[in-house]
Amino acid sequence: MSGDTYRLYAFAKEKGWDYNLAYIPEGFDPGQKEMFDREEMRRLFKLGYDDAVKGYKWHKAPPGLVDEDKKIRYTL
C-alpha cells in the first residue's frame, strides 16, 4: 500500500475529518495477460460496481491499521 494512503489518513485524523477508503480486496486474483488487458479491466470495474450497488462499506483506516475487531490498532 502506498505511503500516501497512510499520510492522508494521518492528515484526516489530525484535522478531525472522517476517512473513507475503497480498495481492491485481497482475494481478487488478477488474470491479466498483457500490460493493458481490457477484459481484466472490465472484470475489475464490475467488482467495484457490484460492491457499490450493494452499498459499499467504506474502510475507515488503511489496511494493517485495523485489527479483526475493527478497532484502530495504531494512532499516527
N, C-alpha and C. Protein backbone atom coordinates (compact mmCIF):
# COMPACT_ATOMS: atom_id res chain seq x y z
N MET A 1 0.86 -1.17 0.00
CA MET A 1 0.00 0.00 0.00
C MET A 1 0.90 1.23 0.00
N SER A 2 0.50 2.21 -0.69
CA SER A 2 1.27 3.43 -0.83
C SER A 2 1.36 4.20 0.48
N GLY A 3 2.53 4.76 0.74
CA GLY A 3 2.70 5.59 1.92
C GLY A 3 1.78 6.80 1.91
N ASP A 4 1.38 7.24 0.72
CA ASP A 4 0.45 8.37 0.63
C ASP A 4 -0.87 8.06 1.32
N THR A 5 -1.32 6.82 1.24
CA THR A 5 -2.58 6.42 1.87
C THR A 5 -2.50 6.65 3.38
N TYR A 6 -1.38 6.26 3.96
CA TYR A 6 -1.20 6.44 5.40
C TYR A 6 -1.04 7.91 5.78
N ARG A 7 -0.36 8.67 4.93
CA ARG A 7 -0.22 10.11 5.21
C ARG A 7 -1.57 10.81 5.14
N LEU A 8 -2.39 10.45 4.17
CA LEU A 8 -3.72 11.06 4.07
C LEU A 8 -4.59 10.68 5.27
N TYR A 9 -4.47 9.44 5.71
CA TYR A 9 -5.20 9.00 6.90
C TYR A 9 -4.78 9.83 8.12
N ALA A 10 -3.47 9.98 8.31
CA ALA A 10 -2.96 10.75 9.45
C ALA A 10 -3.42 12.21 9.36
N PHE A 11 -3.39 12.79 8.17
CA PHE A 11 -3.82 14.17 7.97
C PHE A 11 -5.30 14.33 8.31
N ALA A 12 -6.13 13.39 7.84
CA ALA A 12 -7.57 13.44 8.12
C ALA A 12 -7.83 13.35 9.62
N LYS A 13 -7.14 12.44 10.30
CA LYS A 13 -7.32 12.28 11.74
C LYS A 13 -6.88 13.53 12.49
N GLU A 14 -5.77 14.11 12.05
CA GLU A 14 -5.25 15.33 12.69
C GLU A 14 -6.27 16.46 12.59
N LYS A 15 -6.95 16.54 11.45
CA LYS A 15 -7.94 17.60 11.22
C LYS A 15 -9.30 17.28 11.81
N GLY A 16 -9.47 16.03 12.28
CA GLY A 16 -10.78 15.62 12.82
C GLY A 16 -11.78 15.25 11.74
N TRP A 17 -11.28 14.95 10.55
CA TRP A 17 -12.14 14.60 9.42
C TRP A 17 -12.43 13.10 9.40
N ASP A 18 -13.51 12.75 8.74
CA ASP A 18 -13.82 11.34 8.50
C ASP A 18 -12.88 10.84 7.41
N TYR A 19 -12.63 9.54 7.41
CA TYR A 19 -11.73 8.94 6.43
C TYR A 19 -12.45 7.76 5.80
N ASN A 20 -12.52 7.73 4.49
CA ASN A 20 -13.16 6.64 3.75
C ASN A 20 -12.20 6.14 2.67
N LEU A 21 -12.03 4.82 2.61
CA LEU A 21 -11.11 4.23 1.64
C LEU A 21 -11.76 3.02 0.99
N ALA A 22 -11.62 2.94 -0.31
CA ALA A 22 -12.05 1.75 -1.06
C ALA A 22 -10.80 1.19 -1.72
N TYR A 23 -10.67 -0.12 -1.70
CA TYR A 23 -9.53 -0.73 -2.38
C TYR A 23 -9.89 -2.12 -2.87
N ILE A 24 -9.08 -2.64 -3.75
CA ILE A 24 -9.29 -3.96 -4.33
C ILE A 24 -9.10 -5.01 -3.23
N PRO A 25 -10.09 -5.88 -3.05
CA PRO A 25 -9.96 -6.88 -1.99
C PRO A 25 -8.78 -7.82 -2.20
N GLU A 26 -8.22 -8.31 -1.08
CA GLU A 26 -7.06 -9.19 -1.15
C GLU A 26 -7.32 -10.45 -1.97
N GLY A 27 -8.55 -10.93 -1.96
CA GLY A 27 -8.87 -12.17 -2.66
C GLY A 27 -8.99 -12.03 -4.17
N PHE A 28 -8.91 -10.81 -4.68
CA PHE A 28 -9.02 -10.60 -6.13
C PHE A 28 -7.76 -11.11 -6.81
N ASP A 29 -7.94 -12.01 -7.75
CA ASP A 29 -6.81 -12.59 -8.47
C ASP A 29 -6.77 -12.02 -9.88
N PRO A 30 -5.85 -11.08 -10.13
CA PRO A 30 -5.78 -10.50 -11.47
C PRO A 30 -5.30 -11.54 -12.48
N GLY A 31 -6.04 -11.69 -13.53
CA GLY A 31 -5.68 -12.66 -14.56
C GLY A 31 -5.24 -12.00 -15.84
N GLN A 32 -4.62 -10.82 -15.73
CA GLN A 32 -4.25 -10.09 -16.94
C GLN A 32 -3.20 -10.84 -17.75
N LYS A 33 -3.37 -10.75 -19.04
CA LYS A 33 -2.48 -11.44 -19.97
C LYS A 33 -1.46 -10.49 -20.60
N GLU A 34 -1.72 -9.19 -20.47
CA GLU A 34 -0.83 -8.18 -21.03
C GLU A 34 -0.91 -6.94 -20.15
N MET A 35 -0.06 -5.96 -20.43
CA MET A 35 0.00 -4.75 -19.59
C MET A 35 -1.36 -4.08 -19.47
N PHE A 36 -2.07 -3.88 -20.56
CA PHE A 36 -3.41 -3.30 -20.53
C PHE A 36 -4.37 -4.33 -21.10
N ASP A 37 -5.07 -5.02 -20.23
CA ASP A 37 -5.97 -6.09 -20.62
C ASP A 37 -7.41 -5.60 -20.42
N ARG A 38 -8.10 -5.30 -21.52
CA ARG A 38 -9.46 -4.75 -21.44
C ARG A 38 -10.43 -5.64 -20.68
N GLU A 39 -10.37 -6.93 -20.91
CA GLU A 39 -11.29 -7.84 -20.23
C GLU A 39 -11.04 -7.83 -18.71
N GLU A 40 -9.79 -7.78 -18.33
CA GLU A 40 -9.46 -7.74 -16.90
C GLU A 40 -9.91 -6.42 -16.29
N MET A 41 -9.77 -5.33 -17.02
CA MET A 41 -10.24 -4.03 -16.54
C MET A 41 -11.75 -4.04 -16.37
N ARG A 42 -12.45 -4.66 -17.29
CA ARG A 42 -13.91 -4.77 -17.18
C ARG A 42 -14.31 -5.59 -15.96
N ARG A 43 -13.58 -6.67 -15.71
CA ARG A 43 -13.88 -7.52 -14.56
C ARG A 43 -13.64 -6.76 -13.25
N LEU A 44 -12.57 -5.99 -13.20
CA LEU A 44 -12.28 -5.20 -12.02
C LEU A 44 -13.33 -4.09 -11.83
N PHE A 45 -13.73 -3.44 -12.90
CA PHE A 45 -14.77 -2.42 -12.83
C PHE A 45 -16.06 -3.03 -12.32
N LYS A 46 -16.43 -4.21 -12.83
CA LYS A 46 -17.67 -4.87 -12.40
C LYS A 46 -17.62 -5.21 -10.92
N LEU A 47 -16.46 -5.63 -10.42
CA LEU A 47 -16.31 -5.91 -9.00
C LEU A 47 -16.62 -4.66 -8.18
N GLY A 48 -16.04 -3.54 -8.54
CA GLY A 48 -16.29 -2.28 -7.85
C GLY A 48 -17.73 -1.82 -7.98
N TYR A 49 -18.28 -1.96 -9.17
CA TYR A 49 -19.67 -1.56 -9.41
C TYR A 49 -20.62 -2.39 -8.55
N ASP A 50 -20.43 -3.70 -8.55
CA ASP A 50 -21.29 -4.59 -7.77
C ASP A 50 -21.21 -4.28 -6.28
N ASP A 51 -20.01 -3.97 -5.79
CA ASP A 51 -19.87 -3.57 -4.39
C ASP A 51 -20.64 -2.29 -4.10
N ALA A 52 -20.56 -1.32 -4.99
CA ALA A 52 -21.25 -0.04 -4.80
C ALA A 52 -22.76 -0.22 -4.81
N VAL A 53 -23.27 -1.03 -5.70
CA VAL A 53 -24.71 -1.26 -5.79
C VAL A 53 -25.24 -1.87 -4.49
N LYS A 54 -24.44 -2.75 -3.89
CA LYS A 54 -24.84 -3.39 -2.63
C LYS A 54 -24.69 -2.47 -1.42
N GLY A 55 -24.17 -1.29 -1.63
CA GLY A 55 -23.96 -0.36 -0.52
C GLY A 55 -22.60 -0.57 0.11
N TYR A 56 -21.57 -0.23 -0.64
CA TYR A 56 -20.19 -0.46 -0.23
C TYR A 56 -19.94 0.05 1.18
N LYS A 57 -19.35 -0.77 2.01
CA LYS A 57 -18.98 -0.37 3.36
C LYS A 57 -17.54 0.15 3.32
N TRP A 58 -17.38 1.44 3.51
CA TRP A 58 -16.07 2.07 3.44
C TRP A 58 -15.13 1.53 4.52
N HIS A 59 -13.86 1.45 4.20
CA HIS A 59 -12.83 1.14 5.19
C HIS A 59 -12.49 2.45 5.87
N LYS A 60 -12.42 2.44 7.18
CA LYS A 60 -12.19 3.66 7.95
C LYS A 60 -10.72 3.88 8.30
N ALA A 61 -9.86 2.95 7.87
CA ALA A 61 -8.42 3.08 8.08
C ALA A 61 -7.72 2.28 6.99
N PRO A 62 -6.49 2.61 6.69
CA PRO A 62 -5.73 1.83 5.71
C PRO A 62 -5.51 0.39 6.19
N PRO A 63 -5.29 -0.52 5.28
CA PRO A 63 -5.03 -1.92 5.67
C PRO A 63 -3.85 -2.01 6.64
N GLY A 64 -3.99 -2.86 7.63
CA GLY A 64 -2.93 -3.04 8.60
C GLY A 64 -3.06 -2.19 9.84
N LEU A 65 -3.93 -1.18 9.80
CA LEU A 65 -4.13 -0.33 10.97
C LEU A 65 -5.35 -0.75 11.78
N VAL A 66 -6.09 -1.74 11.30
CA VAL A 66 -7.31 -2.17 11.97
C VAL A 66 -7.20 -3.66 12.27
N ASP A 67 -7.54 -4.05 13.50
CA ASP A 67 -7.49 -5.47 13.83
C ASP A 67 -8.80 -6.17 13.46
N GLU A 68 -8.91 -7.43 13.78
CA GLU A 68 -10.08 -8.22 13.39
C GLU A 68 -11.37 -7.68 14.01
N ASP A 69 -11.28 -7.02 15.16
CA ASP A 69 -12.46 -6.46 15.84
C ASP A 69 -12.81 -5.07 15.31
N LYS A 70 -12.12 -4.65 14.26
CA LYS A 70 -12.34 -3.35 13.62
C LYS A 70 -11.97 -2.19 14.54
N LYS A 71 -11.07 -2.42 15.48
CA LYS A 71 -10.60 -1.35 16.35
C LYS A 71 -9.27 -0.84 15.78
N ILE A 72 -9.11 0.46 15.80
CA ILE A 72 -7.87 1.05 15.31
C ILE A 72 -6.72 0.57 16.20
N ARG A 73 -5.70 0.01 15.59
CA ARG A 73 -4.55 -0.52 16.31
C ARG A 73 -3.52 0.53 16.63
N TYR A 74 -3.33 1.46 15.70
CA TYR A 74 -2.26 2.44 15.82
C TYR A 74 -2.80 3.84 15.66
N THR A 75 -2.20 4.75 16.33
CA THR A 75 -2.52 6.16 16.11
C THR A 75 -1.31 6.78 15.44
N LEU A 76 -1.56 7.43 14.32
CA LEU A 76 -0.45 8.05 13.59
C LEU A 76 -0.24 9.46 14.06
